[in-house]
Structures are given as structure tokens and as C-alpha cells.
Amino acid sequence: MPEASGACAVDIAMGCLLLLAGAALVLAGAQQGMVVLFDVRPYLPPQFREEVAARFAVDTYVWDRSVPISVRRRYFRSMVFASIGMVFIFLAMLIFDQTGPAIGFGIVSALGVALTTSRWLQYRDRL
């Protein structure tokens, strides 16, 4: 019996650690993304400089060679942070036996990893 409770404590500790690390990475990705939003706005066409429109245009225009490489790298970094964070949260949900949230976070993290990988393959020469 003590072995089972020890394993449960380790599972809980690992799940909490993954959950906290995942949340921290998602927040770091969001922070980096907001910095990119402000940095890329001067390079956007005038009709996309308004805040809401800029959010939708960033992914298209951030890869333009006129945008500084530091901004493109920060944007890609935000994608990587958010993707890894979502994978960590997915793993934490699996550890906590939360099937519904695990499926949701699994789908979102798979889409995030796929998008990040496709952007890297498409624009790695601009990073």
C-alpha cells in the first residue's frame, strides 16, 4: 500500500509541475506575441494598423523581409512557447485522468505544433 500512495504523490507532483510549466510557457508566448503585435504594426499596410485588424494580419506580414529579423524570431519564439506549453498542459491533464480536457488540449496542442512546424519549414530561411 505505501508504494501506491508514493506513486500517486509523484504523479500529483509531476502533474502540478507540468501544469505550472505549461501555464508559464503559454503566458510567455502570449507576452512575446503582444510585443510582436506592437513591433510589426508600423510595417503593416494602413488598413491593418488598427489593433483588431493587426491581430489577423500579423501572421501574414511578419514574414516579409522588410520586418526586422528580431521581430520574426520573437514571433516564432512565441509560437514555440505556446505550443510546448499546450503540450505540457495536455500531459498534465492525462496524468490527472481528465479525459475531456486532455482531448481538448491534445487537439489544440497538435494544431499548434503543426502550425509551428509548417511556419518553420516555410520560413526557416527568414529566421
Protein backbone atom coordinates (compact mmCIF):
# COMPACT_ATOMS: atom_id res chain seq x y z
CA MET A 1 0.00 0.00 0.00
CA PRO A 2 2.63 2.66 0.78
CA GLU A 3 4.15 2.19 -2.67
CA ALA A 4 0.84 3.09 -4.33
CA SER A 5 0.42 6.28 -2.30
CA GLY A 6 4.04 7.23 -3.05
CA ALA A 7 3.40 6.78 -6.78
CA CYS A 8 0.26 8.90 -6.50
CA ALA A 9 2.19 11.68 -4.78
CA VAL A 10 4.79 11.58 -7.55
CA ASP A 11 2.02 11.69 -10.17
CA ILE A 12 0.38 14.65 -8.48
CA ALA A 13 3.70 16.48 -8.16
CA MET A 14 4.59 15.80 -11.80
CA GLY A 15 1.13 16.84 -12.97
CA CYS A 16 1.31 20.09 -10.99
CA LEU A 17 4.80 20.80 -12.28
CA LEU A 18 3.69 20.20 -15.88
CA LEU A 19 0.59 22.34 -15.37
CA LEU A 20 2.59 25.24 -13.92
CA ALA A 21 5.30 24.99 -16.57
CA GLY A 22 2.67 24.80 -19.30
CA ALA A 23 0.82 27.85 -17.99
CA ALA A 24 4.10 29.78 -17.70
CA LEU A 25 5.06 28.91 -21.28
CA VAL A 26 1.63 29.86 -22.64
CA LEU A 27 1.85 33.20 -20.80
CA ALA A 28 5.39 33.76 -22.10
CA GLY A 29 4.18 33.01 -25.62
CA ALA A 30 1.30 35.46 -25.22
CA GLN A 31 3.66 38.15 -23.94
CA GLN A 32 6.05 37.62 -26.86
CA GLY A 33 3.11 37.69 -29.26
CA MET A 34 1.88 41.03 -27.90
CA VAL A 35 5.35 42.54 -28.25
CA VAL A 36 5.41 41.34 -31.87
CA LEU A 37 1.99 42.88 -32.46
CA PHE A 38 3.29 46.29 -31.41
CA ASP A 39 6.62 45.88 -33.23
CA VAL A 40 5.14 44.79 -36.56
CA ARG A 41 2.32 47.35 -36.71
CA PRO A 42 4.43 50.05 -38.45
CA TYR A 43 5.23 47.58 -41.25
CA LEU A 44 1.58 46.72 -41.91
CA PRO A 45 -0.45 48.34 -44.70
CA PRO A 46 -2.55 51.26 -43.36
CA GLN A 47 -5.83 49.31 -43.39
CA PHE A 48 -4.35 46.71 -40.99
CA ARG A 49 -2.78 49.05 -38.43
CA GLU A 50 -5.87 49.18 -36.25
CA GLU A 51 -5.45 46.82 -33.25
CA VAL A 52 -8.07 44.20 -34.08
CA ALA A 53 -7.18 44.05 -37.78
CA ALA A 54 -3.46 43.89 -36.92
CA ARG A 55 -4.00 40.70 -34.92
CA PHE A 56 -5.28 38.93 -38.03
CA ALA A 57 -2.64 40.37 -40.35
CA VAL A 58 0.44 39.68 -38.23
CA ASP A 59 0.93 36.08 -39.34
CA THR A 60 0.96 37.12 -42.99
CA TYR A 61 3.08 40.27 -42.79
CA VAL A 62 5.57 39.30 -40.08
CA TRP A 63 7.39 37.08 -42.58
CA ASP A 64 8.00 39.95 -45.01
CA ARG A 65 11.71 40.67 -45.36
CA SER A 66 11.14 44.36 -44.54
CA VAL A 67 10.24 43.34 -40.96
CA PRO A 68 13.36 43.09 -38.79
CA ILE A 69 14.63 39.56 -38.18
CA SER A 70 14.40 40.07 -34.41
CA VAL A 71 10.63 40.55 -34.72
CA ARG A 72 10.25 37.43 -36.86
CA ARG A 73 12.30 35.41 -34.39
CA ARG A 74 10.25 36.74 -31.47
CA TYR A 75 7.05 35.76 -33.31
CA PHE A 76 8.35 32.25 -33.94
CA ARG A 77 9.52 32.02 -30.33
CA SER A 78 6.00 32.92 -29.18
CA MET A 79 4.62 30.09 -31.33
CA VAL A 80 7.13 27.61 -29.89
CA PHE A 81 6.45 28.68 -26.28
CA ALA A 82 2.68 28.39 -26.71
CA SER A 83 2.92 25.01 -28.47
CA ILE A 84 5.19 23.47 -25.85
CA GLY A 85 3.05 24.96 -23.07
CA MET A 86 -0.09 23.39 -24.52
CA VAL A 87 1.66 20.01 -24.80
CA PHE A 88 2.66 20.28 -21.12
CA ILE A 89 -0.91 21.09 -20.10
CA PHE A 90 -2.14 18.16 -22.21
CA LEU A 91 0.27 15.82 -20.42
CA ALA A 92 -0.83 17.18 -17.03
CA MET A 93 -4.47 16.51 -17.92
CA LEU A 94 -3.54 12.93 -18.84
CA ILE A 95 -1.75 12.48 -15.51
CA PHE A 96 -4.80 13.81 -13.64
CA ASP A 97 -7.11 11.46 -15.63
CA GLN A 98 -9.11 14.37 -17.05
CA THR A 99 -10.13 12.81 -20.35
CA GLY A 100 -12.31 15.64 -21.70
CA PRO A 101 -9.81 18.46 -21.12
CA ALA A 102 -6.98 16.17 -22.25
CA ILE A 103 -8.70 15.62 -25.58
CA GLY A 104 -9.25 19.37 -25.99
CA PHE A 105 -5.69 20.30 -25.06
CA GLY A 106 -4.40 17.43 -27.20
CA ILE A 107 -6.20 18.75 -30.27
CA VAL A 108 -5.11 22.34 -29.64
CA SER A 109 -1.50 21.34 -28.96
CA ALA A 110 -1.40 19.14 -32.08
CA LEU A 111 -2.68 22.04 -34.18
CA GLY A 112 -0.15 24.40 -32.54
CA VAL A 113 2.75 22.04 -33.16
CA ALA A 114 1.61 21.51 -36.76
CA LEU A 115 1.31 25.26 -37.39
CA THR A 116 4.66 26.00 -35.77
CA THR A 117 6.35 23.24 -37.77
CA SER A 118 4.77 24.41 -41.03
CA ARG A 119 5.88 28.01 -40.39
CA TRP A 120 9.41 26.81 -39.63
CA LEU A 121 9.55 24.71 -42.80
CA GLN A 122 8.10 27.53 -44.90
CA TYR A 123 10.11 30.44 -43.49
CA ARG A 124 13.25 28.96 -41.92
CA ASP A 125 15.42 30.92 -44.37
CA ARG A 126 13.99 34.16 -42.89
CA LEU A 127 14.68 33.29 -39.27
